[in-house]
């Protein structure tokens, strides 16, 4: 069973090319990296498989990026897309 997510990775000390190579090529996420001042971001969509949770996936990404630059700062944000809260307005339609 897979679980669909929006993933944001925020780094300092990792280039756009390096971030894309790890997140897209190594881990298979759809998206692209962008840079703003010293910070490189990756915004993308993908899934976690085989019962993997967000923390385990973070740890794998973190480890792969730290191999590139041990001094890099790395943070991930995970938004689970399959059960988002919502508000409904208007008439009841049955």
Protein backbone atom coordinates (compact mmCIF):
# COMPACT_ATOMS: atom_id res chain seq x y z
CA UNK A 1 0.00 0.00 0.00
CA UNK A 2 1.34 3.43 -0.89
CA UNK A 3 0.66 6.76 0.72
CA UNK A 4 0.79 9.95 -1.37
CA UNK A 5 2.63 13.03 -0.06
CA UNK A 6 3.74 16.52 -0.92
CA UNK A 7 7.39 16.75 0.07
CA UNK A 8 9.42 19.87 0.79
CA UNK A 9 13.14 19.55 1.44
CA UNK A 10 15.00 22.63 2.66
CA UNK A 11 18.81 22.60 2.66
CA UNK A 12 21.82 24.81 3.17
CA UNK A 13 25.05 23.48 1.67
CA UNK A 14 23.47 21.35 -1.09
CA UNK A 15 23.17 22.56 -4.70
CA UNK A 16 20.04 22.32 -6.86
CA UNK A 17 21.70 19.65 -9.00
CA UNK A 18 22.72 17.59 -5.98
CA UNK A 19 19.27 17.86 -4.41
CA UNK A 20 17.51 16.82 -7.63
CA UNK A 21 19.89 13.90 -8.09
CA UNK A 22 19.14 12.53 -4.61
CA UNK A 23 15.41 13.24 -4.35
CA UNK A 24 14.37 12.57 -7.95
CA UNK A 25 16.91 10.07 -9.20
CA UNK A 26 17.71 8.11 -6.06
CA UNK A 27 14.34 8.24 -4.27
CA UNK A 28 11.98 8.65 -7.25
CA UNK A 29 10.04 11.78 -6.26
CA UNK A 30 8.50 14.06 -8.92
CA UNK A 31 9.44 17.70 -8.53
CA UNK A 32 12.25 20.18 -8.86
CA UNK A 33 14.78 22.06 -6.77
CA UNK A 34 15.03 25.82 -6.59
CA UNK A 35 17.43 28.16 -4.81
CA UNK A 36 16.73 31.30 -2.78
CA UNK A 37 19.79 33.02 -1.33
CA UNK A 38 21.74 30.33 0.59
CA UNK A 39 18.84 27.90 0.78
CA UNK A 40 17.99 25.21 -1.76
CA UNK A 41 14.45 23.82 -1.74
CA UNK A 42 12.89 20.77 -3.36
CA UNK A 43 9.12 20.74 -3.88
CA UNK A 44 7.60 17.51 -5.10
CA UNK A 45 5.04 14.72 -5.04
CA UNK A 46 5.51 11.04 -4.35
CA UNK A 47 4.61 8.05 -2.28
CA UNK A 48 5.91 6.04 0.63
CA UNK A 49 5.70 2.28 0.13
CA UNK A 50 5.92 -0.88 2.15
CA UNK A 51 4.84 0.60 5.46
CA UNK A 52 7.61 3.21 5.45
CA UNK A 53 6.77 6.21 7.63
CA UNK A 54 7.76 9.84 7.22
CA UNK A 55 10.56 9.72 9.78
CA UNK A 56 12.19 6.69 8.16
CA UNK A 57 11.99 8.35 4.72
CA UNK A 58 13.43 11.56 6.21
CA UNK A 59 16.33 9.62 7.71
CA UNK A 60 17.16 8.00 4.35
CA UNK A 61 17.09 11.35 2.52
CA UNK A 62 19.05 13.02 5.34
CA UNK A 63 21.75 10.34 5.22
CA UNK A 64 22.09 10.54 1.41
CA UNK A 65 22.43 14.35 1.51
CA UNK A 66 24.90 14.27 4.43
CA UNK A 67 27.12 11.97 2.35
CA UNK A 68 27.38 14.84 -0.16
CA UNK A 69 28.11 17.49 2.48
CA UNK A 70 28.44 16.45 6.14
CA UNK A 71 28.03 20.10 7.20
CA UNK A 72 24.75 20.63 5.31
CA UNK A 73 21.60 21.65 7.15
CA UNK A 74 18.60 19.58 6.06
CA UNK A 75 14.90 19.68 6.93
CA UNK A 76 11.95 17.84 5.38
CA UNK A 77 8.21 18.55 5.55
CA UNK A 78 5.64 15.87 4.70
CA UNK A 79 2.01 16.61 3.81
CA UNK A 80 -0.17 13.51 3.62
CA UNK A 81 -2.47 14.07 0.64
CA UNK A 82 -5.00 11.27 1.08
CA UNK A 83 -6.86 12.53 4.14
CA UNK A 84 -6.71 16.32 4.11
CA UNK A 85 -9.16 18.30 6.23
CA UNK A 86 -11.72 20.35 4.32
CA UNK A 87 -14.74 22.62 4.81
CA UNK A 88 -17.97 22.35 2.81
CA UNK A 89 -20.45 25.17 2.25
CA UNK A 90 -23.80 25.41 0.49
CA UNK A 91 -26.78 23.15 0.06
CA UNK A 92 -26.90 19.50 1.06
CA UNK A 93 -26.96 17.39 -2.10
CA UNK A 94 -27.89 13.75 -1.87
